[in-house]
Amino acid sequence: MIRILSDENVHADIVSGLRQEGFDLVTAVDLGLAGRKDIEILDYAENHNLLILTGDKTSAVLSSSGICGEEAGYCCFATKFSMSKTS
């Protein structure tokens, strides 16, 4: 199952809606990462195999990587991802 880490810039209604739809989603606030630098959020996500959901168009990590452009509203990206099936 894909696990999602939502940063602080994703509206609470989106987080709530994704959770109601059954997504395994934690927020930066849930994890005590509120106010941390973008690179710290990225490192956490990478170390815990989480897909990042962000609404931060000015993220230094995203801007320098070219992952999300200025026209993006929300962006999801995986730091690493395994397609192996677990039981």
PDB file of N, CA and C in Angstrom:
ATOM      1  N   MET A   1       0.836  -1.177   0.000  1.00  0.00           N
ATOM      2  CA  MET A   1       0.000   0.000   0.000  1.00  0.00           C
ATOM      3  C   MET A   1       0.888   1.250   0.000  1.00  0.00           C
ATOM      4  N   ILE A   2       0.469   2.227  -0.720  1.00  0.00           N
ATOM      5  CA  ILE A   2       1.194   3.494  -0.769  1.00  0.00           C
ATOM      6  C   ILE A   2       0.884   4.281   0.499  1.00  0.00           C
ATOM      7  N   ARG A   3       1.939   4.733   1.155  1.00  0.00           N
ATOM      8  CA  ARG A   3       1.794   5.570   2.347  1.00  0.00           C
ATOM      9  C   ARG A   3       2.149   6.997   1.963  1.00  0.00           C
ATOM     10  N   ILE A   4       1.386   7.950   2.471  1.00  0.00           N
ATOM     11  CA  ILE A   4       1.533   9.351   2.076  1.00  0.00           C
ATOM     12  C   ILE A   4       1.902  10.209   3.279  1.00  0.00           C
ATOM     13  N   LEU A   5       2.843  11.112   3.053  1.00  0.00           N
ATOM     14  CA  LEU A   5       3.183  12.154   4.022  1.00  0.00           C
ATOM     15  C   LEU A   5       2.740  13.485   3.435  1.00  0.00           C
ATOM     16  N   SER A   6       1.796  14.114   4.092  1.00  0.00           N
ATOM     17  CA  SER A   6       1.284  15.410   3.666  1.00  0.00           C
ATOM     18  C   SER A   6       2.024  16.499   4.427  1.00  0.00           C
ATOM     19  N   ASP A   7       2.556  17.469   3.702  1.00  0.00           N
ATOM     20  CA  ASP A   7       3.222  18.566   4.401  1.00  0.00           C
ATOM     21  C   ASP A   7       2.187  19.560   4.929  1.00  0.00           C
ATOM     22  N   GLU A   8       2.666  20.608   5.560  1.00  0.00           N
ATOM     23  CA  GLU A   8       1.776  21.582   6.205  1.00  0.00           C
ATOM     24  C   GLU A   8       0.975  22.429   5.232  1.00  0.00           C
ATOM     25  N   ASN A   9       1.321  22.393   3.961  1.00  0.00           N
ATOM     26  CA  ASN A   9       0.675  23.262   2.981  1.00  0.00           C
ATOM     27  C   ASN A   9      -0.509  22.615   2.273  1.00  0.00           C
ATOM     28  N   VAL A  10      -0.892  21.442   2.695  1.00  0.00           N
ATOM     29  CA  VAL A  10      -2.056  20.770   2.116  1.00  0.00           C
ATOM     30  C   VAL A  10      -3.257  21.068   3.012  1.00  0.00           C
ATOM     31  N   HIS A  11      -4.320  21.556   2.406  1.00  0.00           N
ATOM     32  CA  HIS A  11      -5.526  21.946   3.153  1.00  0.00           C
ATOM     33  C   HIS A  11      -6.090  20.752   3.932  1.00  0.00           C
ATOM     34  N   ALA A  12      -6.563  21.021   5.132  1.00  0.00           N
ATOM     35  CA  ALA A  12      -7.104  19.980   6.014  1.00  0.00           C
ATOM     36  C   ALA A  12      -8.257  19.210   5.371  1.00  0.00           C
ATOM     37  N   ASP A  13      -9.058  19.868   4.528  1.00  0.00           N
ATOM     38  CA  ASP A  13     -10.162  19.168   3.856  1.00  0.00           C
ATOM     39  C   ASP A  13      -9.650  18.105   2.893  1.00  0.00           C
ATOM     40  N   ILE A  14      -8.518  18.365   2.263  1.00  0.00           N
ATOM     41  CA  ILE A  14      -7.930  17.375   1.356  1.00  0.00           C
ATOM     42  C   ILE A  14      -7.402  16.191   2.157  1.00  0.00           C
ATOM     43  N   VAL A  15      -6.701  16.489   3.242  1.00  0.00           N
ATOM     44  CA  VAL A  15      -6.189  15.426   4.116  1.00  0.00           C
ATOM     45  C   VAL A  15      -7.344  14.572   4.620  1.00  0.00           C
ATOM     46  N   SER A  16      -8.395  15.214   5.112  1.00  0.00           N
ATOM     47  CA  SER A  16      -9.563  14.506   5.637  1.00  0.00           C
ATOM     48  C   SER A  16     -10.222  13.645   4.558  1.00  0.00           C
ATOM     49  N   GLY A  17     -10.383  14.210   3.373  1.00  0.00           N
ATOM     50  CA  GLY A  17     -11.001  13.474   2.272  1.00  0.00           C
ATOM     51  C   GLY A  17     -10.198  12.251   1.860  1.00  0.00           C
ATOM     52  N   LEU A  18      -8.885  12.387   1.790  1.00  0.00           N
ATOM     53  CA  LEU A  18      -8.033  11.242   1.433  1.00  0.00           C
ATOM     54  C   LEU A  18      -8.106  10.155   2.497  1.00  0.00           C
ATOM     55  N   ARG A  19      -8.117  10.563   3.750  1.00  0.00           N
ATOM     56  CA  ARG A  19      -8.242   9.583   4.835  1.00  0.00           C
ATOM     57  C   ARG A  19      -9.592   8.875   4.770  1.00  0.00           C
ATOM     58  N   GLN A  20     -10.667   9.614   4.488  1.00  0.00           N
ATOM     59  CA  GLN A  20     -11.995   9.016   4.388  1.00  0.00           C
ATOM     60  C   GLN A  20     -12.070   8.021   3.235  1.00  0.00           C
ATOM     61  N   GLU A  21     -11.268   8.253   2.197  1.00  0.00           N
ATOM     62  CA  GLU A  21     -11.234   7.340   1.051  1.00  0.00           C
ATOM     63  C   GLU A  21     -10.326   6.142   1.296  1.00  0.00           C
ATOM     64  N   GLY A  22      -9.709   6.081   2.476  1.00  0.00           N
ATOM     65  CA  GLY A  22      -8.927   4.914   2.846  1.00  0.00           C
ATOM     66  C   GLY A  22      -7.427   5.026   2.622  1.00  0.00           C
ATOM     67  N   PHE A  23      -6.949   6.211   2.243  1.00  0.00           N
ATOM     68  CA  PHE A  23      -5.519   6.374   2.038  1.00  0.00           C
ATOM     69  C   PHE A  23      -4.792   6.363   3.385  1.00  0.00           C
ATOM     70  N   ASP A  24      -3.633   5.741   3.408  1.00  0.00           N
ATOM     71  CA  ASP A  24      -2.767   5.718   4.581  1.00  0.00           C
ATOM     72  C   ASP A  24      -1.952   7.002   4.559  1.00  0.00           C
ATOM     73  N   LEU A  25      -2.422   8.013   5.258  1.00  0.00           N
ATOM     74  CA  LEU A  25      -1.853   9.346   5.180  1.00  0.00           C
ATOM     75  C   LEU A  25      -1.530   9.869   6.573  1.00  0.00           C
ATOM     76  N   VAL A  26      -0.301  10.375   6.721  1.00  0.00           N
ATOM     77  CA  VAL A  26       0.104  11.079   7.931  1.00  0.00           C
ATOM     78  C   VAL A  26       0.519  12.480   7.524  1.00  0.00           C
ATOM     79  N   THR A  27       0.405  13.404   8.452  1.00  0.00           N
ATOM     80  CA  THR A  27       0.812  14.777   8.150  1.00  0.00           C
ATOM     81  C   THR A  27       2.114  15.095   8.876  1.00  0.00           C
ATOM     82  N   ALA A  28       2.774  16.131   8.406  1.00  0.00           N
ATOM     83  CA  ALA A  28       3.988  16.596   9.071  1.00  0.00           C
ATOM     84  C   ALA A  28       3.675  16.950  10.528  1.00  0.00           C
ATOM     85  N   VAL A  29       2.499  17.517  10.764  1.00  0.00           N
ATOM     86  CA  VAL A  29       2.088  17.868  12.122  1.00  0.00           C
ATOM     87  C   VAL A  29       1.935  16.604  12.971  1.00  0.00           C
ATOM     88  N   ASP A  30       1.285  15.564  12.415  1.00  0.00           N
ATOM     89  CA  ASP A  30       1.117  14.292  13.129  1.00  0.00           C
ATOM     90  C   ASP A  30       2.456  13.750  13.614  1.00  0.00           C
ATOM     91  N   LEU A  31       3.485  13.935  12.788  1.00  0.00           N
ATOM     92  CA  LEU A  31       4.805  13.357  13.054  1.00  0.00           C
ATOM     93  C   LEU A  31       5.736  14.267  13.838  1.00  0.00           C
ATOM     94  N   GLY A  32       5.245  15.439  14.223  1.00  0.00           N
ATOM     95  CA  GLY A  32       6.090  16.383  14.944  1.00  0.00           C
ATOM     96  C   GLY A  32       7.099  17.083  14.051  1.00  0.00           C
ATOM     97  N   LEU A  33       6.798  17.141  12.752  1.00  0.00           N
ATOM     98  CA  LEU A  33       7.709  17.765  11.794  1.00  0.00           C
ATOM     99  C   LEU A  33       7.256  19.162  11.377  1.00  0.00           C
ATOM    100  N   ALA A  34       6.273  19.710  12.068  1.00  0.00           N
ATOM    101  CA  ALA A  34       5.774  21.050  11.727  1.00  0.00           C
ATOM    102  C   ALA A  34       6.897  22.070  11.844  1.00  0.00           C
ATOM    103  N   GLY A  35       6.997  22.917  10.832  1.00  0.00           N
ATOM    104  CA  GLY A  35       7.985  23.981  10.833  1.00  0.00           C
ATOM    105  C   GLY A  35       9.382  23.553  10.424  1.00  0.00           C
ATOM    106  N   ARG A  36       9.560  22.274  10.119  1.00  0.00           N
ATOM    107  CA  ARG A  36      10.881  21.795   9.713  1.00  0.00           C
ATOM    108  C   ARG A  36      11.190  22.223   8.285  1.00  0.00           C
ATOM    109  N   LYS A  37      12.456  22.254   7.948  1.00  0.00           N
ATOM    110  CA  LYS A  37      12.888  22.599   6.598  1.00  0.00           C
ATOM    111  C   LYS A  37      12.445  21.519   5.623  1.00  0.00           C
ATOM    112  N   ASP A  38      12.250  21.936   4.363  1.00  0.00           N
ATOM    113  CA  ASP A  38      11.808  21.006   3.311  1.00  0.00           C
ATOM    114  C   ASP A  38      12.708  19.776   3.230  1.00  0.00           C
ATOM    115  N   ILE A  39      14.006  19.978   3.330  1.00  0.00           N
ATOM    116  CA  ILE A  39      14.935  18.856   3.193  1.00  0.00           C
ATOM    117  C   ILE A  39      14.752  17.848   4.330  1.00  0.00           C
ATOM    118  N   GLU A  40      14.361  18.315   5.509  1.00  0.00           N
ATOM    119  CA  GLU A  40      14.114  17.403   6.627  1.00  0.00           C
ATOM    120  C   GLU A  40      12.864  16.559   6.376  1.00  0.00           C
ATOM    121  N   ILE A  41      11.838  17.186   5.804  1.00  0.00           N
ATOM    122  CA  ILE A  41      10.620  16.451   5.440  1.00  0.00           C
ATOM    123  C   ILE A  41      10.955  15.409   4.373  1.00  0.00           C
ATOM    124  N   LEU A  42      11.728  15.809   3.382  1.00  0.00           N
ATOM    125  CA  LEU A  42      12.138  14.894   2.320  1.00  0.00           C
ATOM    126  C   LEU A  42      12.937  13.725   2.888  1.00  0.00           C
ATOM    127  N   ASP A  43      13.876  14.005   3.763  1.00  0.00           N
ATOM    128  CA  ASP A  43      14.677  12.938   4.376  1.00  0.00           C
ATOM    129  C   ASP A  43      13.802  11.968   5.161  1.00  0.00           C
ATOM    130  N   TYR A  44      12.851  12.506   5.912  1.00  0.00           N
ATOM    131  CA  TYR A  44      11.954  11.646   6.685  1.00  0.00           C
ATOM    132  C   TYR A  44      11.159  10.737   5.743  1.00  0.00           C
ATOM    133  N   ALA A  45      10.608  11.333   4.703  1.00  0.00           N
ATOM    134  CA  ALA A  45       9.806  10.560   3.746  1.00  0.00           C
ATOM    135  C   ALA A  45      10.648   9.471   3.095  1.00  0.00           C
ATOM    136  N   GLU A  46      11.853   9.815   2.724  1.00  0.00           N
ATOM    137  CA  GLU A  46      12.726   8.827   2.079  1.00  0.00           C
ATOM    138  C   GLU A  46      13.065   7.683   3.030  1.00  0.00           C
ATOM    139  N   ASN A  47      13.360   8.012   4.272  1.00  0.00           N
ATOM    140  CA  ASN A  47      13.729   6.988   5.253  1.00  0.00           C
ATOM    141  C   ASN A  47      12.564   6.097   5.651  1.00  0.00           C
ATOM    142  N   HIS A  48      11.333   6.554   5.431  1.00  0.00           N
ATOM    143  CA  HIS A  48      10.150   5.788   5.801  1.00  0.00           C
ATOM    144  C   HIS A  48       9.311   5.361   4.595  1.00  0.00           C
ATOM    145  N   ASN A  49       9.892   5.499   3.406  1.00  0.00           N
ATOM    146  CA  ASN A  49       9.249   5.065   2.166  1.00  0.00           C
ATOM    147  C   ASN A  49       7.853   5.666   1.985  1.00  0.00           C
ATOM    148  N   LEU A  50       7.771   6.983   2.145  1.00  0.00           N
ATOM    149  CA  LEU A  50       6.503   7.699   2.021  1.00  0.00           C
ATOM    150  C   LEU A  50       6.483   8.549   0.757  1.00  0.00           C
ATOM    151  N   LEU A  51       5.352   8.596   0.123  1.00  0.00           N
ATOM    152  CA  LEU A  51       5.111   9.514  -0.982  1.00  0.00           C
ATOM    153  C   LEU A  51       4.783  10.864  -0.356  1.00  0.00           C
ATOM    154  N   ILE A  52       5.305  11.949  -0.904  1.00  0.00           N
ATOM    155  CA  ILE A  52       5.049  13.268  -0.349  1.00  0.00           C
ATOM    156  C   ILE A  52       3.948  13.968  -1.139  1.00  0.00           C
ATOM    157  N   LEU A  53       2.989  14.525  -0.396  1.00  0.00           N
ATOM    158  CA  LEU A  53       1.942  15.358  -0.975  1.00  0.00           C
ATOM    159  C   LEU A  53       2.183  16.766  -0.464  1.00  0.00           C
ATOM    160  N   THR A  54       2.336  17.718  -1.374  1.00  0.00           N
ATOM    161  CA  THR A  54       2.606  19.090  -0.966  1.00  0.00           C
ATOM    162  C   THR A  54       1.793  20.074  -1.786  1.00  0.00           C
ATOM    163  N   GLY A  55       1.523  21.194  -1.185  1.00  0.00           N
ATOM    164  CA  GLY A  55       0.894  22.306  -1.880  1.00  0.00           C
ATOM    165  C   GLY A  55       1.836  23.494  -1.917  1.00  0.00           C
ATOM    166  N   ASP A  56       3.086  23.258  -1.575  1.00  0.00           N
ATOM    167  CA  ASP A  56       4.097  24.307  -1.470  1.00  0.00           C
ATOM    168  C   ASP A  56       4.789  24.505  -2.810  1.00  0.00           C
ATOM    169  N   LYS A  57       4.332  25.492  -3.555  1.00  0.00           N
ATOM    170  CA  LYS A  57       4.915  25.766  -4.874  1.00  0.00           C
ATOM    171  C   LYS A  57       6.309  26.361  -4.771  1.00  0.00           C
ATOM    172  N   THR A  58       6.674  26.845  -3.607  1.00  0.00           N
ATOM    173  CA  THR A  58       7.985  27.479  -3.445  1.00  0.00           C
ATOM    174  C   THR A  58       8.985  26.576  -2.743  1.00  0.00           C
ATOM    175  N   SER A  59       8.636  25.308  -2.583  1.00  0.00           N
ATOM    176  CA  SER A  59       9.535  24.373  -1.924  1.00  0.00           C
ATOM    177  C   SER A  59      10.885  24.350  -2.615  1.00  0.00           C
ATOM    178  N   ALA A  60      11.920  24.550  -1.844  1.00  0.00           N
ATOM    179  CA  ALA A  60      13.281  24.535  -2.405  1.00  0.00           C
ATOM    180  C   ALA A  60      13.608  23.173  -3.003  1.00  0.00           C
ATOM    181  N   VAL A  61      13.163  22.123  -2.348  1.00  0.00           N
ATOM    182  CA  VAL A  61      13.442  20.772  -2.835  1.00  0.00           C
ATOM    183  C   VAL A  61      12.755  20.536  -4.169  1.00  0.00           C
ATOM    184  N   LEU A  62      11.486  20.897  -4.257  1.00  0.00           N
ATOM    185  CA  LEU A  62      10.731  20.665  -5.491  1.00  0.00           C
ATOM    186  C   LEU A  62      11.211  21.564  -6.618  1.00  0.00           C
ATOM    187  N   SER A  63      11.467  22.823  -6.309  1.00  0.00           N
ATOM    188  CA  SER A  63      11.894  23.768  -7.338  1.00  0.00           C
ATOM    189  C   SER A  63      13.227  23.370  -7.945  1.00  0.00           C
ATOM    190  N   SER A  64      14.170  22.976  -7.101  1.00  0.00           N
ATOM    191  CA  SER A  64      15.491  22.620  -7.605  1.00  0.00           C
ATOM    192  C   SER A  64      15.475  21.300  -8.364  1.00  0.00           C
ATOM    193  N   SER A  65      14.506  20.437  -8.055  1.00  0.00           N
ATOM    194  CA  SER A  65      14.445  19.138  -8.720  1.00  0.00           C
ATOM    195  C   SER A  65      13.678  19.193 -10.031  1.00  0.00           C
ATOM    196  N   GLY A  66      12.887  20.260 -10.231  1.00  0.00           N
ATOM    197  CA  GLY A  66      12.070  20.354 -11.433  1.00  0.00           C
ATOM    198  C   GLY A  66      10.836  19.480 -11.376  1.00  0.00           C
ATOM    199  N   ILE A  67      10.514  18.946 -10.192  1.00  0.00           N
ATOM    200  CA  ILE A  67       9.374  18.038 -10.058  1.00  0.00           C
ATOM    201  C   ILE A  67       8.054  18.782 -10.227  1.00  0.00           C
ATOM    202  N   CYS A  68       7.935  19.930  -9.601  1.00  0.00           N
ATOM    203  CA  CYS A  68       6.704  20.711  -9.682  1.00  0.00           C
ATOM    204  C   CYS A  68       7.023  22.097 -10.210  1.00  0.00           C
ATOM    205  N   GLY A  69       6.260  22.525 -11.171  1.00  0.00           N
ATOM    206  CA  GLY A  69       6.441  23.868 -11.703  1.00  0.00           C
ATOM    207  C   GLY A  69       5.543  24.849 -10.979  1.00  0.00           C
ATOM    208  N   GLU A  70       5.647  26.104 -11.346  1.00  0.00           N
ATOM    209  CA  GLU A  70       4.849  27.135 -10.693  1.00  0.00           C
ATOM    210  C   GLU A  70       3.359  26.947 -10.920  1.00  0.00           C
ATOM    211  N   GLU A  71       2.975  26.274 -11.998  1.00  0.00           N
ATOM    212  CA  GLU A  71       1.556  26.104 -12.297  1.00  0.00           C
ATOM    213  C   GLU A  71       0.913  24.995 -11.477  1.00  0.00           C
ATOM    214  N   ALA A  72       1.704  24.230 -10.742  1.00  0.00           N
ATOM    215  CA  ALA A  72       1.169  23.101  -9.986  1.00  0.00           C
ATOM    216  C   ALA A  72       0.310  23.597  -8.831  1.00  0.00           C
ATOM    217  N   GLY A  73      -0.797  22.903  -8.575  1.00  0.00           N
ATOM    218  CA  GLY A  73      -1.609  23.187  -7.413  1.00  0.00           C
ATOM    219  C   GLY A  73      -1.129  22.324  -6.260  1.00  0.00           C
ATOM    220  N   TYR A  74      -1.205  21.025  -6.429  1.00  0.00           N
ATOM    221  CA  TYR A  74      -0.679  20.070  -5.469  1.00  0.00           C
ATOM    222  C   TYR A  74       0.216  19.116  -6.240  1.00  0.00           C
ATOM    223  N   CYS A  75       1.170  18.580  -5.546  1.00  0.00           N
ATOM    224  CA  CYS A  75       2.134  17.707  -6.200  1.00  0.00           C
ATOM    225  C   CYS A  75       2.413  16.518  -5.294  1.00  0.00           C
ATOM    226  N   CYS A  76       2.447  15.348  -5.880  1.00  0.00           N
ATOM    227  CA  CYS A  76       2.858  14.137  -5.169  1.00  0.00           C
ATOM    228  C   CYS A  76       4.120  13.620  -5.829  1.00  0.00           C
ATOM    229  N   PHE A  77       5.050  13.187  -5.029  1.00  0.00           N
ATOM    230  CA  PHE A  77       6.215  12.532  -5.596  1.00  0.00           C
ATOM    231  C   PHE A  77       6.769  11.526  -4.616  1.00  0.00           C
ATOM    232  N   ALA A  78       7.370  10.502  -5.153  1.00  0.00           N
ATOM    233  CA  ALA A  78       7.962   9.453  -4.332  1.00  0.00           C
ATOM    234  C   ALA A  78       9.454   9.678  -4.246  1.00  0.00           C
ATOM    235  N   THR A  79       9.988   9.511  -3.055  1.00  0.00           N
ATOM    236  CA  THR A  79      11.426   9.619  -2.878  1.00  0.00           C
ATOM    237  C   THR A  79      12.084   8.295  -3.290  1.00  0.00           C
ATOM    238  N   LYS A  80      11.420   7.201  -3.032  1.00  0.00           N
ATOM    239  CA  LYS A  80      11.794   5.886  -3.515  1.00  0.00           C
ATOM    240  C   LYS A  80      10.540   5.046  -3.409  1.00  0.00           C
ATOM    241  N   PHE A  81      10.445   4.026  -4.220  1.00  0.00           N
ATOM    242  CA  PHE A  81       9.197   3.299  -4.236  1.00  0.00           C
ATOM    243  C   PHE A  81       9.446   1.866  -4.644  1.00  0.00           C
ATOM    244  N   SER A  82       8.858   0.954  -3.913  1.00  0.00           N
ATOM    245  CA  SER A  82       9.001  -0.453  -4.217  1.00  0.00           C
ATOM    246  C   SER A  82       7.653  -0.991  -4.657  1.00  0.00           C
ATOM    247  N   MET A  83       7.637  -1.713  -5.747  1.00  0.00           N
ATOM    248  CA  MET A  83       6.392  -2.302  -6.247  1.00  0.00           C
ATOM    249  C   MET A  83       6.210  -3.729  -5.737  1.00  0.00           C
ATOM    250  N   SER A  84       7.068  -4.182  -4.822  1.00  0.00           N
ATOM    251  CA  SER A  84       6.960  -5.541  -4.345  1.00  0.00           C
ATOM    252  C   SER A  84       5.657  -5.718  -3.562  1.00  0.00           C
ATOM    253  N   LYS A  85       5.064  -6.871  -3.713  1.00  0.00           N
ATOM    254  CA  LYS A  85       3.803  -7.153  -3.050  1.00  0.00           C
ATOM    255  C   LYS A  85       4.092  -7.761  -1.687  1.00  0.00           C
ATOM    256  N   THR A  86       3.427  -7.256  -0.670  1.00  0.00           N
ATOM    257  CA  THR A  86       3.582  -7.813   0.670  1.00  0.00           C
ATOM    258  C   THR A  86       2.282  -8.430   1.108  1.00  0.00           C
ATOM    259  N   SER A  87       2.380  -9.404   1.975  1.00  0.00           N
ATOM    260  CA  SER A  87       1.157 -10.035   2.475  1.00  0.00           C
ATOM    261  C   SER A  87       1.057  -9.929   3.965  1.00  0.00           C
TER     262      SER A  87
END
